[in-house]
Amino acid sequence: MIDIGPLQFGSPREIVIPMKIPAGENPYLEAVITFPREGRSHNLSIIGADRVTNEKCIMAYYRSLGITKALTYLHAIDTNGKYNFE
């Protein structure tokens, strides 16, 4: 489970999951969103079966890659401000 914080109407959230998608037409991913409403828990799900890459997918991938690299460098800085890539 991944807590992505509150979702507001019209406010998109993106989760990038690097993965190898198998050939064929079978579904390869199911995403389920669970949220409380009116005192009950509700679930929405979607199945990933589309194998078409578009500009939005590519941008999300590179944005994720950039953030991952930046966090790697930030975590490598020790308390004295020096890099520690061990």
PDB file of N, CA and C in Angstrom:
ATOM      1  N   MET A   1       0.837  -1.168   0.000  1.00  0.00           N
ATOM      2  CA  MET A   1       0.000   0.000   0.000  1.00  0.00           C
ATOM      3  C   MET A   1       0.885   1.235   0.000  1.00  0.00           C
ATOM      4  N   ILE A   2       0.510   2.237  -0.776  1.00  0.00           N
ATOM      5  CA  ILE A   2       1.235   3.499  -0.849  1.00  0.00           C
ATOM      6  C   ILE A   2       0.275   4.614  -0.480  1.00  0.00           C
ATOM      7  N   ASP A   3       0.583   5.359   0.570  1.00  0.00           N
ATOM      8  CA  ASP A   3      -0.239   6.514   0.945  1.00  0.00           C
ATOM      9  C   ASP A   3       0.242   7.705   0.137  1.00  0.00           C
ATOM     10  N   ILE A   4      -0.581   8.199  -0.780  1.00  0.00           N
ATOM     11  CA  ILE A   4      -0.183   9.317  -1.631  1.00  0.00           C
ATOM     12  C   ILE A   4      -0.795  10.633  -1.163  1.00  0.00           C
ATOM     13  N   GLY A   5      -1.376  10.631   0.018  1.00  0.00           N
ATOM     14  CA  GLY A   5      -1.953  11.859   0.553  1.00  0.00           C
ATOM     15  C   GLY A   5      -3.344  12.096   0.012  1.00  0.00           C
ATOM     16  N   PRO A   6      -3.906  13.233   0.364  1.00  0.00           N
ATOM     17  CA  PRO A   6      -5.285  13.514  -0.047  1.00  0.00           C
ATOM     18  C   PRO A   6      -5.397  13.798  -1.544  1.00  0.00           C
ATOM     19  N   LEU A   7      -6.454  13.319  -2.128  1.00  0.00           N
ATOM     20  CA  LEU A   7      -6.772  13.612  -3.521  1.00  0.00           C
ATOM     21  C   LEU A   7      -7.942  14.587  -3.538  1.00  0.00           C
ATOM     22  N   GLN A   8      -7.785  15.662  -4.231  1.00  0.00           N
ATOM     23  CA  GLN A   8      -8.846  16.648  -4.379  1.00  0.00           C
ATOM     24  C   GLN A   8      -9.347  16.600  -5.808  1.00  0.00           C
ATOM     25  N   PHE A   9     -10.600  16.958  -6.008  1.00  0.00           N
ATOM     26  CA  PHE A   9     -11.163  16.957  -7.353  1.00  0.00           C
ATOM     27  C   PHE A   9     -10.353  17.899  -8.239  1.00  0.00           C
ATOM     28  N   GLY A  10      -9.872  17.374  -9.348  1.00  0.00           N
ATOM     29  CA  GLY A  10      -9.099  18.176 -10.285  1.00  0.00           C
ATOM     30  C   GLY A  10      -7.619  18.259  -9.963  1.00  0.00           C
ATOM     31  N   SER A  11      -7.179  17.625  -8.890  1.00  0.00           N
ATOM     32  CA  SER A  11      -5.766  17.643  -8.506  1.00  0.00           C
ATOM     33  C   SER A  11      -5.163  16.269  -8.780  1.00  0.00           C
ATOM     34  N   PRO A  12      -4.438  16.111  -9.880  1.00  0.00           N
ATOM     35  CA  PRO A  12      -3.916  14.786 -10.227  1.00  0.00           C
ATOM     36  C   PRO A  12      -2.746  14.369  -9.342  1.00  0.00           C
ATOM     37  N   ARG A  13      -2.605  13.083  -9.188  1.00  0.00           N
ATOM     38  CA  ARG A  13      -1.451  12.476  -8.534  1.00  0.00           C
ATOM     39  C   ARG A  13      -0.908  11.435  -9.484  1.00  0.00           C
ATOM     40  N   GLU A  14       0.405  11.345  -9.569  1.00  0.00           N
ATOM     41  CA  GLU A  14       1.032  10.359 -10.435  1.00  0.00           C
ATOM     42  C   GLU A  14       1.942   9.472  -9.608  1.00  0.00           C
ATOM     43  N   ILE A  15       1.891   8.200  -9.883  1.00  0.00           N
ATOM     44  CA  ILE A  15       2.808   7.239  -9.287  1.00  0.00           C
ATOM     45  C   ILE A  15       3.508   6.556 -10.442  1.00  0.00           C
ATOM     46  N   VAL A  16       4.826   6.609 -10.440  1.00  0.00           N
ATOM     47  CA  VAL A  16       5.606   5.990 -11.508  1.00  0.00           C
ATOM     48  C   VAL A  16       6.193   4.702 -10.963  1.00  0.00           C
ATOM     49  N   ILE A  17       5.914   3.613 -11.649  1.00  0.00           N
ATOM     50  CA  ILE A  17       6.409   2.308 -11.240  1.00  0.00           C
ATOM     51  C   ILE A  17       7.246   1.745 -12.382  1.00  0.00           C
ATOM     52  N   PRO A  18       8.583   1.816 -12.257  1.00  0.00           N
ATOM     53  CA  PRO A  18       9.411   1.213 -13.311  1.00  0.00           C
ATOM     54  C   PRO A  18       9.168  -0.294 -13.330  1.00  0.00           C
ATOM     55  N   MET A  19       8.849  -0.820 -14.491  1.00  0.00           N
ATOM     56  CA  MET A  19       8.575  -2.248 -14.578  1.00  0.00           C
ATOM     57  C   MET A  19       8.750  -2.725 -16.014  1.00  0.00           C
ATOM     58  N   LYS A  20       8.981  -4.000 -16.152  1.00  0.00           N
ATOM     59  CA  LYS A  20       9.040  -4.619 -17.470  1.00  0.00           C
ATOM     60  C   LYS A  20       7.667  -5.197 -17.746  1.00  0.00           C
ATOM     61  N   ILE A  21       7.069  -4.751 -18.844  1.00  0.00           N
ATOM     62  CA  ILE A  21       5.722  -5.192 -19.185  1.00  0.00           C
ATOM     63  C   ILE A  21       5.835  -6.362 -20.149  1.00  0.00           C
ATOM     64  N   PRO A  22       5.200  -7.484 -19.817  1.00  0.00           N
ATOM     65  CA  PRO A  22       5.295  -8.652 -20.702  1.00  0.00           C
ATOM     66  C   PRO A  22       4.574  -8.411 -22.027  1.00  0.00           C
ATOM     67  N   ALA A  23       5.047  -9.081 -23.055  1.00  0.00           N
ATOM     68  CA  ALA A  23       4.390  -8.994 -24.362  1.00  0.00           C
ATOM     69  C   ALA A  23       3.014  -9.646 -24.284  1.00  0.00           C
ATOM     70  N   GLY A  24       2.176  -9.307 -25.208  1.00  0.00           N
ATOM     71  CA  GLY A  24       0.843  -9.895 -25.247  1.00  0.00           C
ATOM     72  C   GLY A  24      -0.222  -8.872 -24.934  1.00  0.00           C
ATOM     73  N   GLU A  25      -1.416  -9.345 -24.676  1.00  0.00           N
ATOM     74  CA  GLU A  25      -2.536  -8.455 -24.422  1.00  0.00           C
ATOM     75  C   GLU A  25      -3.154  -8.655 -23.044  1.00  0.00           C
ATOM     76  N   ASN A  26      -2.587  -9.531 -22.241  1.00  0.00           N
ATOM     77  CA  ASN A  26      -3.131  -9.762 -20.904  1.00  0.00           C
ATOM     78  C   ASN A  26      -2.863  -8.567 -20.004  1.00  0.00           C
ATOM     79  N   PRO A  27      -3.753  -8.296 -19.043  1.00  0.00           N
ATOM     80  CA  PRO A  27      -3.503  -7.222 -18.072  1.00  0.00           C
ATOM     81  C   PRO A  27      -2.215  -7.499 -17.295  1.00  0.00           C
ATOM     82  N   TYR A  28      -1.483  -6.441 -16.953  1.00  0.00           N
ATOM     83  CA  TYR A  28      -0.216  -6.595 -16.250  1.00  0.00           C
ATOM     84  C   TYR A  28      -0.163  -5.832 -14.931  1.00  0.00           C
ATOM     85  N   LEU A  29      -1.168  -5.007 -14.660  1.00  0.00           N
ATOM     86  CA  LEU A  29      -1.137  -4.205 -13.440  1.00  0.00           C
ATOM     87  C   LEU A  29      -2.557  -3.866 -13.010  1.00  0.00           C
ATOM     88  N   GLU A  30      -2.813  -3.940 -11.709  1.00  0.00           N
ATOM     89  CA  GLU A  30      -4.084  -3.475 -11.163  1.00  0.00           C
ATOM     90  C   GLU A  30      -3.777  -2.453 -10.077  1.00  0.00           C
ATOM     91  N   ALA A  31      -4.395  -1.291 -10.170  1.00  0.00           N
ATOM     92  CA  ALA A  31      -4.241  -0.248  -9.155  1.00  0.00           C
ATOM     93  C   ALA A  31      -5.572  -0.095  -8.438  1.00  0.00           C
ATOM     94  N   VAL A  32      -5.530  -0.064  -7.111  1.00  0.00           N
ATOM     95  CA  VAL A  32      -6.736   0.074  -6.299  1.00  0.00           C
ATOM     96  C   VAL A  32      -6.571   1.284  -5.393  1.00  0.00           C
ATOM     97  N   ILE A  33      -7.542   2.165  -5.410  1.00  0.00           N
ATOM     98  CA  ILE A  33      -7.553   3.331  -4.518  1.00  0.00           C
ATOM     99  C   ILE A  33      -8.641   3.096  -3.474  1.00  0.00           C
ATOM    100  N   THR A  34      -8.263   3.232  -2.210  1.00  0.00           N
ATOM    101  CA  THR A  34      -9.206   3.083  -1.104  1.00  0.00           C
ATOM    102  C   THR A  34      -9.332   4.425  -0.412  1.00  0.00           C
ATOM    103  N   PHE A  35     -10.567   4.847  -0.170  1.00  0.00           N
ATOM    104  CA  PHE A  35     -10.785   6.144   0.462  1.00  0.00           C
ATOM    105  C   PHE A  35     -12.038   6.103   1.336  1.00  0.00           C
ATOM    106  N   PRO A  36     -12.009   6.888   2.443  1.00  0.00           N
ATOM    107  CA  PRO A  36     -13.188   6.962   3.310  1.00  0.00           C
ATOM    108  C   PRO A  36     -14.166   8.010   2.782  1.00  0.00           C
ATOM    109  N   ARG A  37     -15.445   7.683   2.874  1.00  0.00           N
ATOM    110  CA  ARG A  37     -16.486   8.639   2.484  1.00  0.00           C
ATOM    111  C   ARG A  37     -17.792   8.212   3.134  1.00  0.00           C
ATOM    112  N   GLU A  38     -18.465   9.180   3.711  1.00  0.00           N
ATOM    113  CA  GLU A  38     -19.756   8.934   4.350  1.00  0.00           C
ATOM    114  C   GLU A  38     -19.670   7.819   5.381  1.00  0.00           C
ATOM    115  N   GLY A  39     -18.570   7.782   6.116  1.00  0.00           N
ATOM    116  CA  GLY A  39     -18.396   6.807   7.183  1.00  0.00           C
ATOM    117  C   GLY A  39     -18.071   5.394   6.722  1.00  0.00           C
ATOM    118  N   ARG A  40     -17.845   5.203   5.431  1.00  0.00           N
ATOM    119  CA  ARG A  40     -17.513   3.881   4.909  1.00  0.00           C
ATOM    120  C   ARG A  40     -16.230   3.949   4.091  1.00  0.00           C
ATOM    121  N   SER A  41     -15.628   2.797   3.866  1.00  0.00           N
ATOM    122  CA  SER A  41     -14.444   2.699   3.023  1.00  0.00           C
ATOM    123  C   SER A  41     -14.877   2.306   1.614  1.00  0.00           C
ATOM    124  N   HIS A  42     -14.370   3.018   0.616  1.00  0.00           N
ATOM    125  CA  HIS A  42     -14.713   2.753  -0.782  1.00  0.00           C
ATOM    126  C   HIS A  42     -13.452   2.384  -1.556  1.00  0.00           C
ATOM    127  N   ASN A  43     -13.602   1.557  -2.562  1.00  0.00           N
ATOM    128  CA  ASN A  43     -12.484   1.137  -3.418  1.00  0.00           C
ATOM    129  C   ASN A  43     -12.800   1.445  -4.875  1.00  0.00           C
ATOM    130  N   LEU A  44     -11.816   1.945  -5.584  1.00  0.00           N
ATOM    131  CA  LEU A  44     -11.869   2.099  -7.030  1.00  0.00           C
ATOM    132  C   LEU A  44     -10.661   1.368  -7.586  1.00  0.00           C
ATOM    133  N   SER A  45     -10.836   0.666  -8.689  1.00  0.00           N
ATOM    134  CA  SER A  45      -9.687  -0.033  -9.267  1.00  0.00           C
ATOM    135  C   SER A  45      -9.660   0.161 -10.775  1.00  0.00           C
ATOM    136  N   ILE A  46      -8.458   0.000 -11.316  1.00  0.00           N
ATOM    137  CA  ILE A  46      -8.258   0.076 -12.760  1.00  0.00           C
ATOM    138  C   ILE A  46      -7.221  -0.977 -13.134  1.00  0.00           C
ATOM    139  N   ILE A  47      -7.411  -1.569 -14.282  1.00  0.00           N
ATOM    140  CA  ILE A  47      -6.504  -2.604 -14.778  1.00  0.00           C
ATOM    141  C   ILE A  47      -5.650  -2.011 -15.894  1.00  0.00           C
ATOM    142  N   GLY A  48      -4.341  -2.236 -15.822  1.00  0.00           N
ATOM    143  CA  GLY A  48      -3.427  -1.780 -16.865  1.00  0.00           C
ATOM    144  C   GLY A  48      -3.229  -2.868 -17.909  1.00  0.00           C
ATOM    145  N   ALA A  49      -3.653  -2.603 -19.123  1.00  0.00           N
ATOM    146  CA  ALA A  49      -3.455  -3.556 -20.205  1.00  0.00           C
ATOM    147  C   ALA A  49      -2.954  -2.850 -21.470  1.00  0.00           C
ATOM    148  N   ASP A  50      -2.922  -1.521 -21.446  1.00  0.00           N
ATOM    149  CA  ASP A  50      -2.505  -0.736 -22.604  1.00  0.00           C
ATOM    150  C   ASP A  50      -0.981  -0.731 -22.696  1.00  0.00           C
ATOM    151  N   ARG A  51      -0.460  -0.952 -23.856  1.00  0.00           N
ATOM    152  CA  ARG A  51       0.987  -0.986 -24.043  1.00  0.00           C
ATOM    153  C   ARG A  51       1.458   0.140 -24.957  1.00  0.00           C
ATOM    154  N   VAL A  52       0.792   1.273 -24.885  1.00  0.00           N
ATOM    155  CA  VAL A  52       1.143   2.431 -25.694  1.00  0.00           C
ATOM    156  C   VAL A  52       1.830   3.451 -24.797  1.00  0.00           C
ATOM    157  N   THR A  53       2.989   3.941 -25.213  1.00  0.00           N
ATOM    158  CA  THR A  53       3.703   4.969 -24.474  1.00  0.00           C
ATOM    159  C   THR A  53       3.362   6.322 -25.080  1.00  0.00           C
ATOM    160  N   ASN A  54       3.088   7.296 -24.207  1.00  0.00           N
ATOM    161  CA  ASN A  54       2.809   8.639 -24.701  1.00  0.00           C
ATOM    162  C   ASN A  54       3.734   9.636 -24.003  1.00  0.00           C
ATOM    163  N   GLU A  55       3.633  10.887 -24.393  1.00  0.00           N
ATOM    164  CA  GLU A  55       4.508  11.928 -23.851  1.00  0.00           C
ATOM    165  C   GLU A  55       4.369  12.056 -22.335  1.00  0.00           C
ATOM    166  N   LYS A  56       3.161  11.942 -21.818  1.00  0.00           N
ATOM    167  CA  LYS A  56       2.936  12.051 -20.380  1.00  0.00           C
ATOM    168  C   LYS A  56       3.668  10.944 -19.618  1.00  0.00           C
ATOM    169  N   CYS A  57       3.650   9.729 -20.156  1.00  0.00           N
ATOM    170  CA  CYS A  57       4.355   8.613 -19.530  1.00  0.00           C
ATOM    171  C   CYS A  57       5.860   8.849 -19.506  1.00  0.00           C
ATOM    172  N   ILE A  58       6.384   9.326 -20.624  1.00  0.00           N
ATOM    173  CA  ILE A  58       7.824   9.577 -20.724  1.00  0.00           C
ATOM    174  C   ILE A  58       8.252  10.677 -19.754  1.00  0.00           C
ATOM    175  N   MET A  59       7.471  11.751 -19.685  1.00  0.00           N
ATOM    176  CA  MET A  59       7.790  12.853 -18.758  1.00  0.00           C
ATOM    177  C   MET A  59       7.731  12.384 -17.305  1.00  0.00           C
ATOM    178  N   ALA A  60       6.740  11.584 -16.958  1.00  0.00           N
ATOM    179  CA  ALA A  60       6.623  11.068 -15.592  1.00  0.00           C
ATOM    180  C   ALA A  60       7.814  10.179 -15.255  1.00  0.00           C
ATOM    181  N   TYR A  61       8.246   9.362 -16.210  1.00  0.00           N
ATOM    182  CA  TYR A  61       9.395   8.495 -15.984  1.00  0.00           C
ATOM    183  C   TYR A  61      10.659   9.312 -15.707  1.00  0.00           C
ATOM    184  N   TYR A  62      10.932  10.309 -16.552  1.00  0.00           N
ATOM    185  CA  TYR A  62      12.146  11.106 -16.371  1.00  0.00           C
ATOM    186  C   TYR A  62      12.077  11.999 -15.132  1.00  0.00           C
ATOM    187  N   ARG A  63      10.905  12.452 -14.776  1.00  0.00           N
ATOM    188  CA  ARG A  63      10.748  13.219 -13.536  1.00  0.00           C
ATOM    189  C   ARG A  63      11.074  12.324 -12.341  1.00  0.00           C
ATOM    190  N   SER A  64      10.582  11.096 -12.367  1.00  0.00           N
ATOM    191  CA  SER A  64      10.873  10.135 -11.300  1.00  0.00           C
ATOM    192  C   SER A  64      12.363   9.813 -11.241  1.00  0.00           C
ATOM    193  N   LEU A  65      12.975   9.635 -12.399  1.00  0.00           N
ATOM    194  CA  LEU A  65      14.406   9.344 -12.459  1.00  0.00           C
ATOM    195  C   LEU A  65      15.220  10.496 -11.875  1.00  0.00           C
ATOM    196  N   GLY A  66      14.855  11.727 -12.214  1.00  0.00           N
ATOM    197  CA  GLY A  66      15.550  12.901 -11.677  1.00  0.00           C
ATOM    198  C   GLY A  66      15.428  13.013 -10.171  1.00  0.00           C
ATOM    199  N   ILE A  67      14.235  12.772  -9.653  1.00  0.00           N
ATOM    200  CA  ILE A  67      14.011  12.830  -8.204  1.00  0.00           C
ATOM    201  C   ILE A  67      14.807  11.738  -7.499  1.00  0.00           C
ATOM    202  N   THR A  68      14.825  10.541  -8.082  1.00  0.00           N
ATOM    203  CA  THR A  68      15.582   9.435  -7.487  1.00  0.00           C
ATOM    204  C   THR A  68      17.067   9.766  -7.426  1.00  0.00           C
ATOM    205  N   LYS A  69      17.614  10.317  -8.507  1.00  0.00           N
ATOM    206  CA  LYS A  69      19.031  10.705  -8.517  1.00  0.00           C
ATOM    207  C   LYS A  69      19.308  11.790  -7.488  1.00  0.00           C
ATOM    208  N   ALA A  70      18.449  12.809  -7.419  1.00  0.00           N
ATOM    209  CA  ALA A  70      18.648  13.903  -6.464  1.00  0.00           C
ATOM    210  C   ALA A  70      18.623  13.375  -5.034  1.00  0.00           C
ATOM    211  N   LEU A  71      17.692  12.492  -4.724  1.00  0.00           N
ATOM    212  CA  LEU A  71      17.628  11.923  -3.375  1.00  0.00           C
ATOM    213  C   LEU A  71      18.846  11.073  -3.066  1.00  0.00           C
ATOM    214  N   THR A  72      19.366  10.363  -4.069  1.00  0.00           N
ATOM    215  CA  THR A  72      20.582   9.567  -3.874  1.00  0.00           C
ATOM    216  C   THR A  72      21.738  10.466  -3.459  1.00  0.00           C
ATOM    217  N   TYR A  73      21.904  11.602  -4.136  1.00  0.00           N
ATOM    218  CA  TYR A  73      22.980  12.532  -3.798  1.00  0.00           C
ATOM    219  C   TYR A  73      22.742  13.196  -2.445  1.00  0.00           C
ATOM    220  N   LEU A  74      21.511  13.559  -2.152  1.00  0.00           N
ATOM    221  CA  LEU A  74      21.226  14.186  -0.854  1.00  0.00           C
ATOM    222  C   LEU A  74      21.501  13.230   0.303  1.00  0.00           C
ATOM    223  N   HIS A  75      21.163  11.967   0.133  1.00  0.00           N
ATOM    224  CA  HIS A  75      21.408  10.980   1.189  1.00  0.00           C
ATOM    225  C   HIS A  75      22.892  10.660   1.331  1.00  0.00           C
ATOM    226  N   ALA A  76      23.675  10.952   0.294  1.00  0.00           N
ATOM    227  CA  ALA A  76      25.112  10.671   0.331  1.00  0.00           C
ATOM    228  C   ALA A  76      25.911  11.780   1.017  1.00  0.00           C
ATOM    229  N   ILE A  77      25.269  12.901   1.309  1.00  0.00           N
ATOM    230  CA  ILE A  77      25.970  13.996   1.985  1.00  0.00           C
ATOM    231  C   ILE A  77      25.961  13.722   3.489  1.00  0.00           C
ATOM    232  N   ASP A  78      27.150  13.731   4.094  1.00  0.00           N
ATOM    233  CA  ASP A  78      27.210  13.481   5.535  1.00  0.00           C
ATOM    234  C   ASP A  78      26.934  14.774   6.307  1.00  0.00           C
ATOM    235  N   THR A  79      26.989  14.704   7.613  1.00  0.00           N
ATOM    236  CA  THR A  79      26.648  15.864   8.449  1.00  0.00           C
ATOM    237  C   THR A  79      27.637  17.015   8.305  1.00  0.00           C
ATOM    238  N   ASN A  80      28.818  16.768   7.742  1.00  0.00           N
ATOM    239  CA  ASN A  80      29.815  17.834   7.531  1.00  0.00           C
ATOM    240  C   ASN A  80      29.670  18.467   6.147  1.00  0.00           C
ATOM    241  N   GLY A  81      28.660  18.053   5.378  1.00  0.00           N
ATOM    242  CA  GLY A  81      28.460  18.616   4.062  1.00  0.00           C
ATOM    243  C   GLY A  81      29.337  18.008   2.986  1.00  0.00           C
ATOM    244  N   LYS A  82      29.973  16.875   3.302  1.00  0.00           N
ATOM    245  CA  LYS A  82      30.831  16.208   2.321  1.00  0.00           C
ATOM    246  C   LYS A  82      30.123  14.972   1.776  1.00  0.00           C
ATOM    247  N   TYR A  83      30.437  14.638   0.524  1.00  0.00           N
ATOM    248  CA  TYR A  83      29.840  13.460  -0.101  1.00  0.00           C
ATOM    249  C   TYR A  83      30.440  12.198   0.468  1.00  0.00           C
ATOM    250  N   ASN A  84      29.585  11.209   0.673  1.00  0.00           N
ATOM    251  CA  ASN A  84      30.002   9.929   1.206  1.00  0.00           C
ATOM    252  C   ASN A  84      29.341   8.836   0.365  1.00  0.00           C
ATOM    253  N   PHE A  85      29.933   8.500  -0.786  1.00  0.00           N
ATOM    254  CA  PHE A  85      29.366   7.507  -1.690  1.00  0.00           C
ATOM    255  C   PHE A  85      29.965   6.137  -1.421  1.00  0.00           C
ATOM    256  N   GLU A  86      29.615   5.538  -0.329  1.00  0.00           N
ATOM    257  CA  GLU A  86      30.137   4.191  -0.020  1.00  0.00           C
ATOM    258  C   GLU A  86      29.072   3.159  -0.223  1.00  0.00           C
TER     259      GLU A  86
END
